[in-house]
Amino acid sequence: MATGGSLGNVALWLLWILPPVLCETGEFTAGHSAGSLPSSGTARSRRYLLYDVNPPEGFNLRRDVYIRIASLLKTLLKSEEWVLVLPPWGRLYHWQTPGIHQVQIPWSNFFDLHSLNKNIPVVEYEEFIAESGGPFIEQLYILQGYAEGWKEGAWEEKVDKRPCIEKMLYSKDKNGYYRGWFWGYEQTRALNVTCLSVQGSASIMAPVLLQNTSAQSVMLDRAENILHDHYGGKEYWNARRSMVFAKHLRAVGDEFRARDLNSTDEADKTVYNEDWTKMKVKLGTALGGPYLAVHLRRKDFIWGHRDDVPSLAEAISQIHSLLKQLQLQTVFVATDAVDEELAVLEKGLPGMIRFKPTVEEMHLYKDGGIAIIDQWICTHARYFIGTSVSTFSFRIHEEREILGFHPKTTYNRFCGKKEKNCEQPTHWKIVY
């Protein structure tokens, strides 16, 4: 336990031995906008913002939610000293490799924390426990929509204290603490839990955090319910560019590229600057390695997106057409296909290349790390084609945009046989 001597830490230390007094001080004030915030001036100790996402959401959607929360934190920093506590990874639907411990995974396993801190101040969850004096979250807000839904007409950003619409996934223990999943940390507990109906962008929550609660640590659960402040704008891209993959994962991908795909940064014109703030590449300057990269999503996408996801035979046909058009002989495939489907792909695409981790690599990098390695390899291809509405493909689009690939080599997707109009992905141009 951290005992830095501050009154804040002493107060939190007392929570270990005294039962909490669960109460709310003051009335909840709704209807604020982010523009009505108090200016910084009053000195107070650093405050912590935590968040979580709906359990079924995948790795790459969660990365998108991080960008929304980063924007909120920047708004908070205009008034007070805040730091974002990174929610540990684990128990994701797509991480199904058996026999691997995949909970309580720190962000440093997947991303470069120094790069993240160049955009906003962040700490790992266990750092938060050490700094704040224990595994306590003083105020937990569960974000939800409005029971009455959105009524047609002018869009209105708003947030209100409302009864919980769904059954709360937190329950009180015998001491009055709220217990829940909390990223697999069983000792973590919340003192107060409130449901808020929210409709609007991330910074709509800033007045709530600054004016309606004095809690030092505040968590927003179901944070996917708030929208981007400025999707595709400068602040969006700053947050996105700061999400640099962990160096050890990039090194594995680079070694694989050089060994199996005849691809190096120098030859491919994809030299990477470790300081993302200094990396500004003109679109169209990156060449990419001499291979076609494919992201072919299967499993739940087969029945969830039937019209715009091709059959294996259709995908194989489209890949052969692209190889001929691009005058390439090599195809790298990132896919969640099951063994039977992989056999079909390998038969239809002789010489198909995949990154196949060893047992040791699976335990070391875990499913999330292997996904990043796949994305890193796809990012460096001469040409990329992905799967419709897949956030895995979206994140590759962004990585290629950052490296300076021409949009025509990046924003492409497979077409389903039943599609009348196979609309290609939108080009979201990088903003510096």
Foldseek 3Di string as FASTA:
>chain_A
DAPPPDPQLVVVQVCVPAFFDFDFPDDQDKDDALVPDDAADDDDDEFEEEEAADQADDDLVVLVLVLLVLVLVVSLVRHYHYEYEYQWDADYPLQPDPPADGFRHWCLLWFDQVLLVVRPHYDYPVVVQNVRNHQEAAEEEEEDADPVHDDDDDADWIKDFDPDPDDDQWDQDPSGWTAHPRRPPRRHTYRYYTYMHTDEGSNSCSCCVRPRDPTRGYYYYNSVRHHHPDPLEQSSLSNLLSRHTNPVLLVVLQVCCVPPQVDHCVVQVQDDDPRSVPQDAAAARGQFTQEEEEEQEDDPCCVVVVQFHADLVQVLVVRVVVCVVVVGLEYEYDYPDDPVSVVVNCVSRPRHDYDDDDPVVCNSSPPSSSLVSSLSNNLRHSAYEYGPPDSSLVSSLSSVLSSRYHNVRRFHYGGYPNDPDNDTDDDSHHDD
